[in-house]
Amino acid sequence: MITKDVTIDIKQATDASPVAKCVQLASQFKSKIYIENGATKVNAKSIMGMMALGILSGEEVKVSAEGDDEQNAIDTMVNYLTAN
């Protein structure tokens, strides 16, 4: 399992479009991918979970991945969450 702390840099992160894109990216991987915000941990492949998480730009979250393609999954998710 790989875990990385990242600071979100997505404009309007609570808007459906960036959240949907994040879920689409996570769904490309076989690994289990989770995003934690405080005490809440959600499956990054779940649109409802990600919407409920309500992450905002500037917040720090923990991204974790476990599986055969975990390194690629973490790299892709971190790049998306920090480079928009």
PDB file of N, CA and C in Angstrom:
ATOM      1  N   MET A   1       0.840  -1.181   0.000  1.00  0.00           N
ATOM      2  CA  MET A   1       0.000   0.000   0.000  1.00  0.00           C
ATOM      3  C   MET A   1       0.883   1.241   0.000  1.00  0.00           C
ATOM      4  N   ILE A   2       0.519   2.196  -0.821  1.00  0.00           N
ATOM      5  CA  ILE A   2       1.219   3.483  -0.899  1.00  0.00           C
ATOM      6  C   ILE A   2       0.257   4.562  -0.426  1.00  0.00           C
ATOM      7  N   THR A   3       0.741   5.463   0.407  1.00  0.00           N
ATOM      8  CA  THR A   3      -0.063   6.572   0.905  1.00  0.00           C
ATOM      9  C   THR A   3       0.706   7.864   0.709  1.00  0.00           C
ATOM     10  N   LYS A   4      -0.013   8.913   0.312  1.00  0.00           N
ATOM     11  CA  LYS A   4       0.639  10.204   0.098  1.00  0.00           C
ATOM     12  C   LYS A   4      -0.303  11.327   0.527  1.00  0.00           C
ATOM     13  N   ASP A   5       0.238  12.298   1.260  1.00  0.00           N
ATOM     14  CA  ASP A   5      -0.518  13.494   1.627  1.00  0.00           C
ATOM     15  C   ASP A   5      -0.379  14.512   0.511  1.00  0.00           C
ATOM     16  N   VAL A   6      -1.495  15.100   0.106  1.00  0.00           N
ATOM     17  CA  VAL A   6      -1.467  16.107  -0.954  1.00  0.00           C
ATOM     18  C   VAL A   6      -2.379  17.269  -0.585  1.00  0.00           C
ATOM     19  N   THR A   7      -2.031  18.432  -1.080  1.00  0.00           N
ATOM     20  CA  THR A   7      -2.879  19.610  -0.934  1.00  0.00           C
ATOM     21  C   THR A   7      -3.632  19.795  -2.239  1.00  0.00           C
ATOM     22  N   ILE A   8      -4.946  19.824  -2.143  1.00  0.00           N
ATOM     23  CA  ILE A   8      -5.798  19.911  -3.323  1.00  0.00           C
ATOM     24  C   ILE A   8      -5.617  21.260  -4.010  1.00  0.00           C
ATOM     25  N   ASP A   9      -5.457  21.213  -5.321  1.00  0.00           N
ATOM     26  CA  ASP A   9      -5.367  22.430  -6.122  1.00  0.00           C
ATOM     27  C   ASP A   9      -6.242  22.255  -7.360  1.00  0.00           C
ATOM     28  N   ILE A  10      -7.535  22.094  -7.100  1.00  0.00           N
ATOM     29  CA  ILE A  10      -8.521  21.968  -8.181  1.00  0.00           C
ATOM     30  C   ILE A  10      -9.501  23.114  -8.018  1.00  0.00           C
ATOM     31  N   LYS A  11      -9.727  23.850  -9.065  1.00  0.00           N
ATOM     32  CA  LYS A  11     -10.705  24.925  -9.004  1.00  0.00           C
ATOM     33  C   LYS A  11     -12.097  24.324  -8.863  1.00  0.00           C
ATOM     34  N   GLN A  12     -12.862  24.856  -7.927  1.00  0.00           N
ATOM     35  CA  GLN A  12     -14.224  24.405  -7.658  1.00  0.00           C
ATOM     36  C   GLN A  12     -14.279  22.898  -7.452  1.00  0.00           C
ATOM     37  N   ALA A  13     -13.511  22.399  -6.499  1.00  0.00           N
ATOM     38  CA  ALA A  13     -13.425  20.957  -6.264  1.00  0.00           C
ATOM     39  C   ALA A  13     -14.753  20.331  -5.866  1.00  0.00           C
ATOM     40  N   THR A  14     -15.719  21.136  -5.392  1.00  0.00           N
ATOM     41  CA  THR A  14     -17.018  20.575  -5.036  1.00  0.00           C
ATOM     42  C   THR A  14     -17.948  20.513  -6.234  1.00  0.00           C
ATOM     43  N   ASP A  15     -17.573  21.107  -7.338  1.00  0.00           N
ATOM     44  CA  ASP A  15     -18.345  21.032  -8.569  1.00  0.00           C
ATOM     45  C   ASP A  15     -18.280  19.599  -9.091  1.00  0.00           C
ATOM     46  N   ALA A  16     -19.355  19.141  -9.729  1.00  0.00           N
ATOM     47  CA  ALA A  16     -19.432  17.745 -10.185  1.00  0.00           C
ATOM     48  C   ALA A  16     -18.368  17.409 -11.220  1.00  0.00           C
ATOM     49  N   SER A  17     -17.996  18.348 -12.071  1.00  0.00           N
ATOM     50  CA  SER A  17     -17.070  18.042 -13.153  1.00  0.00           C
ATOM     51  C   SER A  17     -15.688  17.590 -12.673  1.00  0.00           C
ATOM     52  N   PRO A  18     -14.997  18.307 -11.800  1.00  0.00           N
ATOM     53  CA  PRO A  18     -13.698  17.830 -11.322  1.00  0.00           C
ATOM     54  C   PRO A  18     -13.808  16.533 -10.519  1.00  0.00           C
ATOM     55  N   VAL A  19     -14.886  16.387  -9.770  1.00  0.00           N
ATOM     56  CA  VAL A  19     -15.073  15.166  -8.994  1.00  0.00           C
ATOM     57  C   VAL A  19     -15.304  13.989  -9.931  1.00  0.00           C
ATOM     58  N   ALA A  20     -16.118  14.184 -10.955  1.00  0.00           N
ATOM     59  CA  ALA A  20     -16.376  13.120 -11.933  1.00  0.00           C
ATOM     60  C   ALA A  20     -15.082  12.716 -12.640  1.00  0.00           C
ATOM     61  N   LYS A  21     -14.255  13.689 -12.990  1.00  0.00           N
ATOM     62  CA  LYS A  21     -12.976  13.406 -13.645  1.00  0.00           C
ATOM     63  C   LYS A  21     -12.068  12.594 -12.713  1.00  0.00           C
ATOM     64  N   CYS A  22     -12.062  12.937 -11.443  1.00  0.00           N
ATOM     65  CA  CYS A  22     -11.255  12.218 -10.466  1.00  0.00           C
ATOM     66  C   CYS A  22     -11.712  10.756 -10.366  1.00  0.00           C
ATOM     67  N   VAL A  23     -13.022  10.537 -10.332  1.00  0.00           N
ATOM     68  CA  VAL A  23     -13.573   9.184 -10.269  1.00  0.00           C
ATOM     69  C   VAL A  23     -13.229   8.411 -11.541  1.00  0.00           C
ATOM     70  N   GLN A  24     -13.306   9.071 -12.691  1.00  0.00           N
ATOM     71  CA  GLN A  24     -12.947   8.421 -13.956  1.00  0.00           C
ATOM     72  C   GLN A  24     -11.487   7.985 -13.945  1.00  0.00           C
ATOM     73  N   LEU A  25     -10.611   8.849 -13.460  1.00  0.00           N
ATOM     74  CA  LEU A  25      -9.191   8.505 -13.384  1.00  0.00           C
ATOM     75  C   LEU A  25      -8.969   7.311 -12.460  1.00  0.00           C
ATOM     76  N   ALA A  26      -9.582   7.345 -11.287  1.00  0.00           N
ATOM     77  CA  ALA A  26      -9.413   6.258 -10.319  1.00  0.00           C
ATOM     78  C   ALA A  26      -9.933   4.936 -10.878  1.00  0.00           C
ATOM     79  N   SER A  27     -11.008   4.999 -11.641  1.00  0.00           N
ATOM     80  CA  SER A  27     -11.635   3.791 -12.176  1.00  0.00           C
ATOM     81  C   SER A  27     -10.794   3.093 -13.239  1.00  0.00           C
ATOM     82  N   GLN A  28      -9.770   3.754 -13.753  1.00  0.00           N
ATOM     83  CA  GLN A  28      -8.897   3.157 -14.757  1.00  0.00           C
ATOM     84  C   GLN A  28      -7.951   2.116 -14.160  1.00  0.00           C
ATOM     85  N   PHE A  29      -7.838   2.093 -12.840  1.00  0.00           N
ATOM     86  CA  PHE A  29      -6.854   1.243 -12.185  1.00  0.00           C
ATOM     87  C   PHE A  29      -7.509   0.057 -11.484  1.00  0.00           C
ATOM     88  N   LYS A  30      -6.773  -1.037 -11.420  1.00  0.00           N
ATOM     89  CA  LYS A  30      -7.243  -2.220 -10.708  1.00  0.00           C
ATOM     90  C   LYS A  30      -7.109  -2.046  -9.202  1.00  0.00           C
ATOM     91  N   SER A  31      -6.161  -1.238  -8.783  1.00  0.00           N
ATOM     92  CA  SER A  31      -5.905  -1.021  -7.359  1.00  0.00           C
ATOM     93  C   SER A  31      -7.112  -0.397  -6.662  1.00  0.00           C
ATOM     94  N   LYS A  32      -7.202  -0.667  -5.360  1.00  0.00           N
ATOM     95  CA  LYS A  32      -8.167   0.030  -4.523  1.00  0.00           C
ATOM     96  C   LYS A  32      -7.570   1.393  -4.220  1.00  0.00           C
ATOM     97  N   ILE A  33      -8.342   2.446  -4.427  1.00  0.00           N
ATOM     98  CA  ILE A  33      -7.854   3.810  -4.218  1.00  0.00           C
ATOM     99  C   ILE A  33      -8.812   4.518  -3.262  1.00  0.00           C
ATOM    100  N   TYR A  34      -8.248   5.132  -2.227  1.00  0.00           N
ATOM    101  CA  TYR A  34      -9.055   5.835  -1.237  1.00  0.00           C
ATOM    102  C   TYR A  34      -8.527   7.251  -1.048  1.00  0.00           C
ATOM    103  N   ILE A  35      -9.447   8.146  -0.702  1.00  0.00           N
ATOM    104  CA  ILE A  35      -9.079   9.514  -0.347  1.00  0.00           C
ATOM    105  C   ILE A  35      -9.668   9.789   1.028  1.00  0.00           C
ATOM    106  N   GLU A  36      -8.805  10.305   1.912  1.00  0.00           N
ATOM    107  CA  GLU A  36      -9.215  10.627   3.277  1.00  0.00           C
ATOM    108  C   GLU A  36      -9.165  12.127   3.499  1.00  0.00           C
ATOM    109  N   ASN A  37     -10.209  12.642   4.119  1.00  0.00           N
ATOM    110  CA  ASN A  37     -10.276  14.045   4.509  1.00  0.00           C
ATOM    111  C   ASN A  37     -10.710  14.058   5.967  1.00  0.00           C
ATOM    112  N   GLY A  38      -9.759  14.296   6.856  1.00  0.00           N
ATOM    113  CA  GLY A  38     -10.055  14.214   8.283  1.00  0.00           C
ATOM    114  C   GLY A  38     -10.349  12.775   8.664  1.00  0.00           C
ATOM    115  N   ALA A  39     -11.493  12.551   9.302  1.00  0.00           N
ATOM    116  CA  ALA A  39     -11.869  11.209   9.740  1.00  0.00           C
ATOM    117  C   ALA A  39     -12.658  10.451   8.675  1.00  0.00           C
ATOM    118  N   THR A  40     -12.904  11.069   7.535  1.00  0.00           N
ATOM    119  CA  THR A  40     -13.710  10.449   6.484  1.00  0.00           C
ATOM    120  C   THR A  40     -12.815   9.867   5.400  1.00  0.00           C
ATOM    121  N   LYS A  41     -13.033   8.594   5.094  1.00  0.00           N
ATOM    122  CA  LYS A  41     -12.268   7.891   4.066  1.00  0.00           C
ATOM    123  C   LYS A  41     -13.262   7.323   3.060  1.00  0.00           C
ATOM    124  N   VAL A  42     -13.056   7.658   1.772  1.00  0.00           N
ATOM    125  CA  VAL A  42     -13.983   7.175   0.747  1.00  0.00           C
ATOM    126  C   VAL A  42     -13.241   6.492  -0.391  1.00  0.00           C
ATOM    127  N   ASN A  43     -13.951   5.637  -1.078  1.00  0.00           N
ATOM    128  CA  ASN A  43     -13.454   4.974  -2.271  1.00  0.00           C
ATOM    129  C   ASN A  43     -13.402   6.010  -3.389  1.00  0.00           C
ATOM    130  N   ALA A  44     -12.244   6.233  -3.965  1.00  0.00           N
ATOM    131  CA  ALA A  44     -12.088   7.245  -5.011  1.00  0.00           C
ATOM    132  C   ALA A  44     -12.816   6.868  -6.302  1.00  0.00           C
ATOM    133  N   LYS A  45     -13.291   5.634  -6.399  1.00  0.00           N
ATOM    134  CA  LYS A  45     -14.030   5.191  -7.582  1.00  0.00           C
ATOM    135  C   LYS A  45     -15.534   5.388  -7.425  1.00  0.00           C
ATOM    136  N   SER A  46     -15.960   5.916  -6.284  1.00  0.00           N
ATOM    137  CA  SER A  46     -17.369   6.127  -5.982  1.00  0.00           C
ATOM    138  C   SER A  46     -17.735   7.601  -6.143  1.00  0.00           C
ATOM    139  N   ILE A  47     -18.578   7.903  -7.116  1.00  0.00           N
ATOM    140  CA  ILE A  47     -18.976   9.298  -7.350  1.00  0.00           C
ATOM    141  C   ILE A  47     -19.721   9.850  -6.131  1.00  0.00           C
ATOM    142  N   MET A  48     -20.581   9.039  -5.524  1.00  0.00           N
ATOM    143  CA  MET A  48     -21.328   9.512  -4.353  1.00  0.00           C
ATOM    144  C   MET A  48     -20.395   9.754  -3.165  1.00  0.00           C
ATOM    145  N   GLY A  49     -19.451   8.857  -2.973  1.00  0.00           N
ATOM    146  CA  GLY A  49     -18.492   9.028  -1.884  1.00  0.00           C
ATOM    147  C   GLY A  49     -17.650  10.272  -2.075  1.00  0.00           C
ATOM    148  N   MET A  50     -17.190  10.476  -3.287  1.00  0.00           N
ATOM    149  CA  MET A  50     -16.346  11.636  -3.570  1.00  0.00           C
ATOM    150  C   MET A  50     -17.130  12.942  -3.433  1.00  0.00           C
ATOM    151  N   MET A  51     -18.381  12.951  -3.862  1.00  0.00           N
ATOM    152  CA  MET A  51     -19.206  14.157  -3.708  1.00  0.00           C
ATOM    153  C   MET A  51     -19.447  14.437  -2.223  1.00  0.00           C
ATOM    154  N   ALA A  52     -19.687  13.380  -1.453  1.00  0.00           N
ATOM    155  CA  ALA A  52     -19.938  13.544  -0.025  1.00  0.00           C
ATOM    156  C   ALA A  52     -18.695  14.033   0.716  1.00  0.00           C
ATOM    157  N   LEU A  53     -17.526  13.698   0.200  1.00  0.00           N
ATOM    158  CA  LEU A  53     -16.278  14.109   0.840  1.00  0.00           C
ATOM    159  C   LEU A  53     -16.144  15.632   0.853  1.00  0.00           C
ATOM    160  N   GLY A  54     -16.615  16.272  -0.200  1.00  0.00           N
ATOM    161  CA  GLY A  54     -16.652  17.727  -0.238  1.00  0.00           C
ATOM    162  C   GLY A  54     -15.310  18.413  -0.110  1.00  0.00           C
ATOM    163  N   ILE A  55     -14.291  17.898  -0.776  1.00  0.00           N
ATOM    164  CA  ILE A  55     -12.970  18.508  -0.679  1.00  0.00           C
ATOM    165  C   ILE A  55     -12.933  19.854  -1.396  1.00  0.00           C
ATOM    166  N   LEU A  56     -12.167  20.750  -0.842  1.00  0.00           N
ATOM    167  CA  LEU A  56     -12.021  22.086  -1.397  1.00  0.00           C
ATOM    168  C   LEU A  56     -10.566  22.348  -1.738  1.00  0.00           C
ATOM    169  N   SER A  57     -10.342  23.218  -2.687  1.00  0.00           N
ATOM    170  CA  SER A  57      -8.988  23.599  -3.037  1.00  0.00           C
ATOM    171  C   SER A  57      -8.297  24.166  -1.802  1.00  0.00           C
ATOM    172  N   GLY A  58      -7.067  23.736  -1.581  1.00  0.00           N
ATOM    173  CA  GLY A  58      -6.294  24.184  -0.427  1.00  0.00           C
ATOM    174  C   GLY A  58      -6.326  23.218   0.739  1.00  0.00           C
ATOM    175  N   GLU A  59      -7.265  22.288   0.737  1.00  0.00           N
ATOM    176  CA  GLU A  59      -7.333  21.304   1.811  1.00  0.00           C
ATOM    177  C   GLU A  59      -6.293  20.201   1.593  1.00  0.00           C
ATOM    178  N   GLU A  60      -5.824  19.638   2.698  1.00  0.00           N
ATOM    179  CA  GLU A  60      -4.887  18.524   2.613  1.00  0.00           C
ATOM    180  C   GLU A  60      -5.658  17.224   2.804  1.00  0.00           C
ATOM    181  N   VAL A  61      -5.429  16.286   1.902  1.00  0.00           N
ATOM    182  CA  VAL A  61      -6.057  14.972   1.977  1.00  0.00           C
ATOM    183  C   VAL A  61      -4.982  13.901   1.877  1.00  0.00           C
ATOM    184  N   LYS A  62      -5.359  12.684   2.228  1.00  0.00           N
ATOM    185  CA  LYS A  62      -4.456  11.548   2.117  1.00  0.00           C
ATOM    186  C   LYS A  62      -4.991  10.655   1.006  1.00  0.00           C
ATOM    187  N   VAL A  63      -4.137  10.334   0.049  1.00  0.00           N
ATOM    188  CA  VAL A  63      -4.494   9.436  -1.053  1.00  0.00           C
ATOM    189  C   VAL A  63      -3.752   8.125  -0.835  1.00  0.00           C
ATOM    190  N   SER A  64      -4.478   7.020  -0.916  1.00  0.00           N
ATOM    191  CA  SER A  64      -3.827   5.722  -0.759  1.00  0.00           C
ATOM    192  C   SER A  64      -4.282   4.775  -1.856  1.00  0.00           C
ATOM    193  N   ALA A  65      -3.391   3.886  -2.224  1.00  0.00           N
ATOM    194  CA  ALA A  65      -3.694   2.890  -3.253  1.00  0.00           C
ATOM    195  C   ALA A  65      -3.051   1.570  -2.866  1.00  0.00           C
ATOM    196  N   GLU A  66      -3.757   0.488  -3.169  1.00  0.00           N
ATOM    197  CA  GLU A  66      -3.238  -0.841  -2.880  1.00  0.00           C
ATOM    198  C   GLU A  66      -3.622  -1.778  -4.018  1.00  0.00           C
ATOM    199  N   GLY A  67      -2.603  -2.382  -4.629  1.00  0.00           N
ATOM    200  CA  GLY A  67      -2.853  -3.321  -5.711  1.00  0.00           C
ATOM    201  C   GLY A  67      -1.688  -3.380  -6.675  1.00  0.00           C
ATOM    202  N   ASP A  68      -1.885  -4.105  -7.759  1.00  0.00           N
ATOM    203  CA  ASP A  68      -0.820  -4.340  -8.731  1.00  0.00           C
ATOM    204  C   ASP A  68      -0.301  -3.060  -9.393  1.00  0.00           C
ATOM    205  N   ASP A  69      -1.183  -2.085  -9.598  1.00  0.00           N
ATOM    206  CA  ASP A  69      -0.781  -0.857 -10.281  1.00  0.00           C
ATOM    207  C   ASP A  69      -0.828   0.355  -9.339  1.00  0.00           C
ATOM    208  N   GLU A  70      -0.557   0.110  -8.053  1.00  0.00           N
ATOM    209  CA  GLU A  70      -0.695   1.163  -7.046  1.00  0.00           C
ATOM    210  C   GLU A  70       0.205   2.373  -7.279  1.00  0.00           C
ATOM    211  N   GLN A  71       1.428   2.173  -7.730  1.00  0.00           N
ATOM    212  CA  GLN A  71       2.328   3.316  -7.940  1.00  0.00           C
ATOM    213  C   GLN A  71       1.805   4.217  -9.063  1.00  0.00           C
ATOM    214  N   ASN A  72       1.384   3.621 -10.153  1.00  0.00           N
ATOM    215  CA  ASN A  72       0.832   4.397 -11.256  1.00  0.00           C
ATOM    216  C   ASN A  72      -0.464   5.088 -10.829  1.00  0.00           C
ATOM    217  N   ALA A  73      -1.273   4.397 -10.039  1.00  0.00           N
ATOM    218  CA  ALA A  73      -2.528   4.980  -9.553  1.00  0.00           C
ATOM    219  C   ALA A  73      -2.259   6.200  -8.676  1.00  0.00           C
ATOM    220  N   ILE A  74      -1.330   6.072  -7.733  1.00  0.00           N
ATOM    221  CA  ILE A  74      -0.989   7.201  -6.851  1.00  0.00           C
ATOM    222  C   ILE A  74      -0.456   8.368  -7.667  1.00  0.00           C
ATOM    223  N   ASP A  75       0.478   8.093  -8.570  1.00  0.00           N
ATOM    224  CA  ASP A  75       1.068   9.161  -9.388  1.00  0.00           C
ATOM    225  C   ASP A  75      -0.002   9.897 -10.181  1.00  0.00           C
ATOM    226  N   THR A  76      -0.911   9.165 -10.798  1.00  0.00           N
ATOM    227  CA  THR A  76      -1.969   9.772 -11.611  1.00  0.00           C
ATOM    228  C   THR A  76      -2.913  10.604 -10.761  1.00  0.00           C
ATOM    229  N   MET A  77      -3.329  10.059  -9.632  1.00  0.00           N
ATOM    230  CA  MET A  77      -4.263  10.777  -8.758  1.00  0.00           C
ATOM    231  C   MET A  77      -3.624  12.038  -8.176  1.00  0.00           C
ATOM    232  N   VAL A  78      -2.393  11.927  -7.715  1.00  0.00           N
ATOM    233  CA  VAL A  78      -1.709  13.087  -7.144  1.00  0.00           C
ATOM    234  C   VAL A  78      -1.518  14.168  -8.207  1.00  0.00           C
ATOM    235  N   ASN A  79      -1.119  13.767  -9.406  1.00  0.00           N
ATOM    236  CA  ASN A  79      -0.952  14.743 -10.491  1.00  0.00           C
ATOM    237  C   ASN A  79      -2.259  15.462 -10.791  1.00  0.00           C
ATOM    238  N   TYR A  80      -3.355  14.745 -10.827  1.00  0.00           N
ATOM    239  CA  TYR A  80      -4.649  15.383 -11.089  1.00  0.00           C
ATOM    240  C   TYR A  80      -5.056  16.324  -9.968  1.00  0.00           C
ATOM    241  N   LEU A  81      -4.920  15.855  -8.737  1.00  0.00           N
ATOM    242  CA  LEU A  81      -5.370  16.642  -7.594  1.00  0.00           C
ATOM    243  C   LEU A  81      -4.531  17.881  -7.323  1.00  0.00           C
ATOM    244  N   THR A  82      -3.312  17.914  -7.839  1.00  0.00           N
ATOM    245  CA  THR A  82      -2.421  19.040  -7.529  1.00  0.00           C
ATOM    246  C   THR A  82      -2.063  19.905  -8.727  1.00  0.00           C
ATOM    247  N   ALA A  83      -2.445  19.513  -9.924  1.00  0.00           N
ATOM    248  CA  ALA A  83      -1.964  20.248 -11.097  1.00  0.00           C
ATOM    249  C   ALA A  83      -3.057  20.913 -11.928  1.00  0.00           C
ATOM    250  N   ASN A  84      -4.166  21.211 -11.334  1.00  0.00           N
ATOM    251  CA  ASN A  84      -5.241  21.853 -12.109  1.00  0.00           C
ATOM    252  C   ASN A  84      -5.389  23.300 -11.752  1.00  0.00           C
TER     253      ASN A  84
END
